[in-house]
Protein backbone atom coordinates (compact mmCIF):
# COMPACT_ATOMS: atom_id res chain seq x y z
CA MET A 1 83.68 139.59 94.15
CA SER A 2 85.30 136.75 96.04
CA LYS A 3 88.72 135.61 94.94
CA ARG A 4 89.23 131.84 94.62
CA TYR A 5 92.45 130.23 95.81
CA THR A 6 93.75 126.79 94.90
CA ALA A 7 94.08 124.09 97.52
CA GLU A 8 97.84 124.15 96.96
CA PHE A 9 98.01 127.91 97.63
CA LYS A 10 95.98 127.52 100.81
CA ARG A 11 98.12 124.61 101.99
CA ASP A 12 101.34 126.55 101.35
CA ALA A 13 99.95 129.69 103.00
CA VAL A 14 98.97 127.72 106.12
CA ALA A 15 102.38 126.05 106.26
CA LEU A 16 104.05 129.43 105.98
CA ALA A 17 101.83 130.96 108.65
CA LEU A 18 102.53 128.10 111.06
CA SER A 19 106.27 127.95 110.46
CA SER A 20 107.03 131.65 110.17
CA GLU A 21 108.22 133.95 112.92
CA LYS A 22 105.80 136.52 111.47
CA THR A 23 102.26 137.04 112.67
CA VAL A 24 99.36 135.71 110.63
CA THR A 25 98.54 139.30 109.69
CA GLU A 26 102.06 139.86 108.34
CA VAL A 27 102.06 136.60 106.39
CA ALA A 28 98.63 137.41 104.97
CA ARG A 29 99.80 140.85 103.88
CA ASP A 30 102.88 139.30 102.20
CA LEU A 31 100.65 136.83 100.34
CA GLY A 32 97.97 139.36 99.40
CA VAL A 33 95.13 137.70 101.30
CA SER A 34 93.06 139.02 104.16
CA PRO A 35 94.24 138.08 107.65
CA GLU A 36 90.75 136.75 108.49
CA ARG A 37 90.85 134.42 105.50
CA LEU A 38 94.30 133.09 106.40
CA ARG A 39 93.23 132.62 110.03
CA GLY A 40 90.26 130.61 108.78
CA TRP A 41 92.52 128.41 106.65
CA VAL A 42 94.85 127.84 109.61
CA LYS A 43 91.93 127.00 111.89
CA GLN A 44 90.50 124.54 109.33
CA ALA A 45 93.91 122.94 108.80
CA LYS A 46 94.17 122.34 112.53
CA VAL A 47 90.70 120.75 112.55
CA ASP A 48 91.69 118.55 109.61
CA ARG A 49 94.74 117.37 111.61
CA GLY A 50 92.53 116.55 114.58
CA GLU A 51 93.68 119.55 116.62
CA GLY A 52 90.42 121.45 116.52
CA PRO A 53 87.62 121.75 119.04
CA ALA A 54 85.35 118.79 119.68
CA GLY A 55 82.61 118.51 117.09
CA ALA A 56 84.36 120.66 114.47
CA LEU A 57 83.92 119.28 110.96
CA THR A 58 86.93 118.42 108.84
CA THR A 59 87.10 119.61 105.25
CA ALA A 60 86.16 116.13 104.02
CA GLU A 61 83.17 116.04 106.37
CA ARG A 62 82.05 119.50 105.23
CA GLU A 63 82.28 118.43 101.58
CA GLU A 64 80.30 115.27 102.31
CA LEU A 65 77.67 117.27 104.19
CA VAL A 66 77.26 119.64 101.23
CA ARG A 67 77.01 116.67 98.84
CA LEU A 68 74.44 114.90 100.99
CA ARG A 69 72.32 118.03 101.47
CA ARG A 70 72.30 118.54 97.70
CA LYS A 71 71.24 114.92 97.21
CA VAL A 72 68.43 115.29 99.77
CA ARG A 73 67.14 118.42 97.95
CA GLU A 74 67.18 116.55 94.64
CA GLN A 75 65.36 113.57 96.14
CA GLU A 76 62.77 115.82 97.80
CA ALA A 77 62.12 117.45 94.43
CA THR A 78 61.76 114.02 92.80
CA ILE A 79 59.35 112.88 95.51
CA GLU A 80 57.26 116.03 95.02
CA VAL A 81 57.07 115.47 91.26
CA LEU A 82 56.11 111.83 91.74
CA GLY A 83 53.48 112.79 94.32
CA ASN A 84 51.99 115.35 91.94
CA ALA A 85 52.04 112.84 89.10
CA THR A 86 50.34 110.22 91.27
CA ALA A 87 47.63 112.69 92.26
CA PHE A 88 47.16 113.75 88.63
CA PHE A 89 46.80 110.19 87.36
CA ALA A 90 44.53 109.21 90.28
CA GLN A 91 42.18 112.09 89.40
CA ASP A 92 42.35 111.18 85.72
CA LYS A 93 41.45 107.55 86.49
CA MET A 94 38.36 108.60 88.50
CA ARG A 95 36.90 110.46 85.55
């Protein structure tokens, strides 16, 4: 089961990892999170500050992408239902 962390916790953990003399692994151990997870948060924080690799998506862009993909799926489902309804009523009208 995946543990959920608040945005505030993540922000504080990243700040601690970046400002500490300790390694990310040591900071993660102190906070009770996996080093890989903390490294991911640090990497994403750098992207959000514009320090990431070219083409990397910021958190806001990722959230928008998820929202837009969900909207596309909903619209595709609506289009399918309307297409089926159109076909049904066209057949019914021919009878």
